[in-house]
Amino acid sequence: MREFEQLTSIASANEFIQRHKLSFLFIFGTDCSVCHALQPQVQRLMMKYPEIALGAINAQEVKEVAGRFSIFTIPVLLLHVEGKEYIREARIVHLDLFDEKIRKIYDFVTG
């Protein structure tokens, strides 16, 4: 299973997004049961998309993440293409629909 790169600051998150053409951020919390249940499901889903870089950032440890990404709840799933946000899902995520959205963008970007 693919692992998430652990991001520990807003600077590292910004750099991660800029460094990769396709980047995915999983924003979670330490005490969030939904986050802990969703993360392995997202990891399995992302096996289909090897060119998407995976990053995770803990919103409880990096409090500035809320302001930087306009986060009001967790978990939040963000897909960026060339530094621009294309997909945002929060809290309860329907993985089938999320997969369809990613597939369309992924197929377009990767050709």
N, C-alpha and C. Protein backbone atom coordinates (compact mmCIF):
# COMPACT_ATOMS: atom_id res chain seq x y z
N MET A 1 0.85 -1.18 0.00
CA MET A 1 0.00 0.00 0.00
C MET A 1 0.89 1.24 0.00
N ARG A 2 0.48 2.25 -0.71
CA ARG A 2 1.24 3.50 -0.78
C ARG A 2 1.12 4.24 0.54
N GLU A 3 2.21 4.87 0.94
CA GLU A 3 2.23 5.62 2.20
C GLU A 3 2.11 7.12 1.93
N PHE A 4 1.56 7.82 2.90
CA PHE A 4 1.47 9.27 2.84
C PHE A 4 2.78 9.88 3.34
N GLU A 5 3.24 10.91 2.65
CA GLU A 5 4.37 11.70 3.15
C GLU A 5 3.81 12.57 4.27
N GLN A 6 4.41 12.50 5.45
CA GLN A 6 3.93 13.27 6.59
C GLN A 6 4.43 14.71 6.49
N LEU A 7 3.52 15.65 6.46
CA LEU A 7 3.85 17.07 6.36
C LEU A 7 3.63 17.70 7.73
N THR A 8 4.60 18.47 8.18
CA THR A 8 4.56 18.95 9.57
C THR A 8 4.47 20.47 9.69
N SER A 9 4.27 21.16 8.57
CA SER A 9 4.13 22.62 8.61
C SER A 9 3.41 23.08 7.35
N ILE A 10 2.94 24.32 7.40
CA ILE A 10 2.31 24.90 6.20
C ILE A 10 3.35 25.03 5.09
N ALA A 11 4.57 25.39 5.44
CA ALA A 11 5.63 25.51 4.43
C ALA A 11 5.87 24.18 3.73
N SER A 12 5.91 23.08 4.49
CA SER A 12 6.13 21.76 3.87
C SER A 12 4.93 21.36 3.02
N ALA A 13 3.72 21.73 3.43
CA ALA A 13 2.53 21.43 2.63
C ALA A 13 2.54 22.22 1.33
N ASN A 14 2.87 23.50 1.40
CA ASN A 14 2.94 24.33 0.19
C ASN A 14 4.01 23.81 -0.76
N GLU A 15 5.16 23.44 -0.22
CA GLU A 15 6.26 22.92 -1.03
C GLU A 15 5.87 21.60 -1.69
N PHE A 16 5.17 20.75 -0.95
CA PHE A 16 4.70 19.46 -1.46
C PHE A 16 3.77 19.67 -2.66
N ILE A 17 2.84 20.60 -2.53
CA ILE A 17 1.88 20.89 -3.61
C ILE A 17 2.61 21.42 -4.84
N GLN A 18 3.58 22.29 -4.64
CA GLN A 18 4.31 22.88 -5.77
C GLN A 18 5.27 21.88 -6.43
N ARG A 19 5.79 20.95 -5.66
CA ARG A 19 6.80 19.99 -6.14
C ARG A 19 6.20 18.94 -7.06
N HIS A 20 4.91 18.65 -6.92
CA HIS A 20 4.29 17.57 -7.68
C HIS A 20 3.21 18.10 -8.62
N LYS A 21 3.20 17.56 -9.84
CA LYS A 21 2.17 17.95 -10.80
C LYS A 21 0.79 17.57 -10.27
N LEU A 22 0.67 16.35 -9.73
CA LEU A 22 -0.56 15.87 -9.11
C LEU A 22 -0.27 15.60 -7.64
N SER A 23 -0.92 16.32 -6.75
CA SER A 23 -0.69 16.11 -5.32
C SER A 23 -2.02 15.97 -4.59
N PHE A 24 -2.02 15.08 -3.62
CA PHE A 24 -3.21 14.80 -2.83
C PHE A 24 -2.86 15.03 -1.36
N LEU A 25 -3.67 15.83 -0.69
CA LEU A 25 -3.49 16.07 0.74
C LEU A 25 -4.64 15.45 1.52
N PHE A 26 -4.27 14.71 2.55
CA PHE A 26 -5.23 14.14 3.49
C PHE A 26 -5.04 14.92 4.78
N ILE A 27 -6.00 15.75 5.13
CA ILE A 27 -5.92 16.57 6.34
C ILE A 27 -6.77 15.88 7.41
N PHE A 28 -6.12 15.55 8.53
CA PHE A 28 -6.76 14.71 9.54
C PHE A 28 -6.50 15.27 10.93
N GLY A 29 -7.08 14.59 11.91
CA GLY A 29 -6.85 14.93 13.31
C GLY A 29 -6.50 13.69 14.10
N THR A 30 -5.73 13.87 15.15
CA THR A 30 -5.28 12.75 15.98
C THR A 30 -6.45 12.01 16.60
N ASP A 31 -7.44 12.74 17.10
CA ASP A 31 -8.56 12.14 17.82
C ASP A 31 -9.80 11.95 16.95
N CYS A 32 -9.63 11.90 15.65
CA CYS A 32 -10.76 11.83 14.71
C CYS A 32 -10.97 10.39 14.25
N SER A 33 -12.04 9.77 14.72
CA SER A 33 -12.30 8.38 14.35
C SER A 33 -12.65 8.23 12.87
N VAL A 34 -13.33 9.22 12.30
CA VAL A 34 -13.64 9.19 10.87
C VAL A 34 -12.34 9.22 10.06
N CYS A 35 -11.40 10.05 10.50
CA CYS A 35 -10.10 10.16 9.82
C CYS A 35 -9.37 8.82 9.82
N HIS A 36 -9.33 8.18 10.98
CA HIS A 36 -8.62 6.91 11.11
C HIS A 36 -9.28 5.79 10.31
N ALA A 37 -10.59 5.84 10.17
CA ALA A 37 -11.30 4.84 9.36
C ALA A 37 -11.12 5.09 7.87
N LEU A 38 -11.07 6.36 7.48
CA LEU A 38 -11.01 6.73 6.07
C LEU A 38 -9.61 6.58 5.47
N GLN A 39 -8.59 6.84 6.25
CA GLN A 39 -7.23 6.86 5.71
C GLN A 39 -6.83 5.57 4.99
N PRO A 40 -7.01 4.38 5.57
CA PRO A 40 -6.62 3.18 4.83
C PRO A 40 -7.45 2.95 3.56
N GLN A 41 -8.71 3.38 3.58
CA GLN A 41 -9.54 3.24 2.38
C GLN A 41 -9.02 4.14 1.26
N VAL A 42 -8.61 5.35 1.64
CA VAL A 42 -8.05 6.28 0.66
C VAL A 42 -6.71 5.74 0.13
N GLN A 43 -5.90 5.17 1.01
CA GLN A 43 -4.63 4.60 0.58
C GLN A 43 -4.86 3.49 -0.46
N ARG A 44 -5.83 2.64 -0.22
CA ARG A 44 -6.14 1.58 -1.18
C ARG A 44 -6.62 2.17 -2.51
N LEU A 45 -7.49 3.16 -2.44
CA LEU A 45 -8.00 3.81 -3.64
C LEU A 45 -6.86 4.42 -4.45
N MET A 46 -5.92 5.04 -3.79
CA MET A 46 -4.83 5.73 -4.47
C MET A 46 -3.83 4.79 -5.15
N MET A 47 -3.94 3.49 -4.88
CA MET A 47 -3.11 2.52 -5.59
C MET A 47 -3.38 2.58 -7.09
N LYS A 48 -4.58 2.99 -7.48
CA LYS A 48 -4.95 3.10 -8.89
C LYS A 48 -4.27 4.28 -9.59
N TYR A 49 -3.75 5.21 -8.79
CA TYR A 49 -3.25 6.47 -9.33
C TYR A 49 -1.80 6.71 -8.90
N PRO A 50 -0.86 5.96 -9.49
CA PRO A 50 0.53 6.02 -9.03
C PRO A 50 1.22 7.37 -9.25
N GLU A 51 0.71 8.19 -10.15
CA GLU A 51 1.36 9.48 -10.41
C GLU A 51 0.88 10.59 -9.47
N ILE A 52 -0.04 10.29 -8.59
CA ILE A 52 -0.49 11.28 -7.61
C ILE A 52 0.35 11.12 -6.35
N ALA A 53 1.03 12.19 -5.96
CA ALA A 53 1.83 12.20 -4.73
C ALA A 53 0.88 12.32 -3.55
N LEU A 54 1.14 11.55 -2.49
CA LEU A 54 0.26 11.52 -1.32
C LEU A 54 0.92 12.22 -0.14
N GLY A 55 0.21 13.17 0.44
CA GLY A 55 0.69 13.86 1.63
C GLY A 55 -0.40 13.89 2.68
N ALA A 56 0.02 13.89 3.95
CA ALA A 56 -0.93 13.97 5.06
C ALA A 56 -0.44 15.01 6.05
N ILE A 57 -1.38 15.76 6.60
CA ILE A 57 -1.04 16.78 7.59
C ILE A 57 -2.07 16.76 8.71
N ASN A 58 -1.57 16.81 9.93
CA ASN A 58 -2.43 16.75 11.11
C ASN A 58 -2.88 18.17 11.47
N ALA A 59 -4.17 18.42 11.33
CA ALA A 59 -4.73 19.75 11.58
C ALA A 59 -4.68 20.14 13.05
N GLN A 60 -4.59 19.15 13.94
CA GLN A 60 -4.50 19.46 15.37
C GLN A 60 -3.09 19.87 15.76
N GLU A 61 -2.10 19.37 15.03
CA GLU A 61 -0.71 19.73 15.32
C GLU A 61 -0.27 20.97 14.54
N VAL A 62 -0.77 21.14 13.33
CA VAL A 62 -0.44 22.29 12.49
C VAL A 62 -1.70 23.13 12.36
N LYS A 63 -1.94 23.96 13.35
CA LYS A 63 -3.20 24.71 13.44
C LYS A 63 -3.41 25.67 12.26
N GLU A 64 -2.33 26.14 11.65
CA GLU A 64 -2.44 27.08 10.53
C GLU A 64 -3.07 26.45 9.29
N VAL A 65 -3.17 25.14 9.28
CA VAL A 65 -3.74 24.44 8.13
C VAL A 65 -5.19 24.88 7.90
N ALA A 66 -5.90 25.19 8.96
CA ALA A 66 -7.31 25.61 8.84
C ALA A 66 -7.42 26.89 8.02
N GLY A 67 -6.58 27.85 8.31
CA GLY A 67 -6.62 29.11 7.57
C GLY A 67 -6.09 28.98 6.16
N ARG A 68 -5.01 28.24 5.99
CA ARG A 68 -4.37 28.10 4.67
C ARG A 68 -5.30 27.42 3.67
N PHE A 69 -6.01 26.38 4.11
CA PHE A 69 -6.85 25.61 3.20
C PHE A 69 -8.35 25.81 3.44
N SER A 70 -8.73 26.79 4.26
CA SER A 70 -10.13 27.07 4.58
C SER A 70 -10.84 25.80 5.06
N ILE A 71 -10.29 25.21 6.11
CA ILE A 71 -10.79 23.96 6.67
C ILE A 71 -11.68 24.26 7.87
N PHE A 72 -12.88 23.70 7.88
CA PHE A 72 -13.79 23.88 9.00
C PHE A 72 -14.13 22.58 9.71
N THR A 73 -13.73 21.46 9.11
CA THR A 73 -13.97 20.15 9.69
C THR A 73 -12.87 19.22 9.20
N ILE A 74 -12.77 18.05 9.80
CA ILE A 74 -11.83 17.04 9.31
C ILE A 74 -12.56 15.71 9.25
N PRO A 75 -12.14 14.80 8.41
CA PRO A 75 -11.03 14.92 7.47
C PRO A 75 -11.40 15.73 6.24
N VAL A 76 -10.36 16.21 5.56
CA VAL A 76 -10.52 16.91 4.29
C VAL A 76 -9.56 16.27 3.30
N LEU A 77 -10.06 16.01 2.09
CA LEU A 77 -9.26 15.42 1.03
C LEU A 77 -9.17 16.44 -0.09
N LEU A 78 -7.93 16.80 -0.46
CA LEU A 78 -7.71 17.81 -1.48
C LEU A 78 -6.83 17.25 -2.59
N LEU A 79 -7.26 17.42 -3.83
CA LEU A 79 -6.43 17.06 -4.97
C LEU A 79 -6.03 18.34 -5.69
N HIS A 80 -4.72 18.51 -5.87
CA HIS A 80 -4.19 19.67 -6.58
C HIS A 80 -3.56 19.21 -7.89
N VAL A 81 -3.77 20.00 -8.92
CA VAL A 81 -3.12 19.78 -10.21
C VAL A 81 -2.33 21.04 -10.52
N GLU A 82 -1.01 20.85 -10.65
CA GLU A 82 -0.10 21.97 -10.92
C GLU A 82 -0.35 23.12 -9.95
N GLY A 83 -0.53 22.78 -8.68
CA GLY A 83 -0.66 23.78 -7.63
C GLY A 83 -2.06 24.34 -7.42
N LYS A 84 -3.01 23.95 -8.24
CA LYS A 84 -4.38 24.46 -8.11
C LYS A 84 -5.30 23.37 -7.59
N GLU A 85 -6.17 23.75 -6.67
CA GLU A 85 -7.11 22.79 -6.10
C GLU A 85 -8.19 22.45 -7.12
N TYR A 86 -8.39 21.13 -7.33
CA TYR A 86 -9.40 20.67 -8.26
C TYR A 86 -10.51 19.88 -7.58
N ILE A 87 -10.18 19.17 -6.51
CA ILE A 87 -11.18 18.38 -5.79
C ILE A 87 -11.05 18.65 -4.31
N ARG A 88 -12.20 18.81 -3.65
CA ARG A 88 -12.25 18.97 -2.19
C ARG A 88 -13.41 18.13 -1.68
N GLU A 89 -13.11 17.24 -0.76
CA GLU A 89 -14.14 16.45 -0.09
C GLU A 89 -13.88 16.58 1.41
N ALA A 90 -14.94 16.61 2.19
CA ALA A 90 -14.78 16.78 3.63
C ALA A 90 -15.74 15.88 4.40
N ARG A 91 -15.29 15.51 5.58
CA ARG A 91 -16.02 14.74 6.59
C ARG A 91 -16.48 13.37 6.09
N ILE A 92 -17.67 13.27 5.54
CA ILE A 92 -18.18 11.99 5.04
C ILE A 92 -17.92 11.96 3.53
N VAL A 93 -17.08 11.02 3.11
CA VAL A 93 -16.66 10.95 1.71
C VAL A 93 -17.22 9.68 1.08
N HIS A 94 -17.91 9.84 -0.02
CA HIS A 94 -18.40 8.70 -0.79
C HIS A 94 -17.28 8.31 -1.75
N LEU A 95 -16.60 7.22 -1.43
CA LEU A 95 -15.40 6.86 -2.15
C LEU A 95 -15.64 6.54 -3.62
N ASP A 96 -16.79 5.99 -3.97
CA ASP A 96 -17.08 5.71 -5.37
C ASP A 96 -17.15 7.00 -6.19
N LEU A 97 -17.84 8.00 -5.66
CA LEU A 97 -17.94 9.28 -6.35
C LEU A 97 -16.60 9.99 -6.38
N PHE A 98 -15.87 9.90 -5.28
CA PHE A 98 -14.54 10.50 -5.20
C PHE A 98 -13.61 9.86 -6.24
N ASP A 99 -13.69 8.55 -6.37
CA ASP A 99 -12.89 7.81 -7.35
C ASP A 99 -13.21 8.28 -8.77
N GLU A 100 -14.48 8.47 -9.09
CA GLU A 100 -14.88 8.93 -10.42
C GLU A 100 -14.29 10.31 -10.72
N LYS A 101 -14.36 11.21 -9.75
CA LYS A 101 -13.81 12.55 -9.94
C LYS A 101 -12.31 12.50 -10.19
N ILE A 102 -11.61 11.70 -9.39
CA ILE A 102 -10.17 11.59 -9.55
C ILE A 102 -9.83 10.99 -10.90
N ARG A 103 -10.53 9.93 -11.28
CA ARG A 103 -10.25 9.24 -12.55
C ARG A 103 -10.34 10.20 -13.73
N LYS A 104 -11.37 11.04 -13.77
CA LYS A 104 -11.54 11.99 -14.88
C LYS A 104 -10.35 12.94 -14.97
N ILE A 105 -9.96 13.50 -13.85
CA ILE A 105 -8.84 14.44 -13.84
C ILE A 105 -7.54 13.72 -14.14
N TYR A 106 -7.35 12.56 -13.53
CA TYR A 106 -6.11 11.79 -13.71
C TYR A 106 -5.93 11.39 -15.17
N ASP A 107 -6.98 10.89 -15.79
CA ASP A 107 -6.90 10.49 -17.19
C ASP A 107 -6.62 11.67 -18.10
N PHE A 108 -7.21 12.82 -17.79
CA PHE A 108 -6.98 14.02 -18.60
C PHE A 108 -5.54 14.51 -18.46
N VAL A 109 -5.05 14.56 -17.23
CA VAL A 109 -3.71 15.09 -16.96
C VAL A 109 -2.61 14.15 -17.44
N THR A 110 -2.80 12.86 -17.23
CA THR A 110 -1.74 11.91 -17.57
C THR A 110 -1.84 11.41 -19.01
N GLY A 111 -2.96 11.70 -19.66
CA GLY A 111 -3.13 11.37 -21.06
C GLY A 111 -3.34 9.92 -21.28
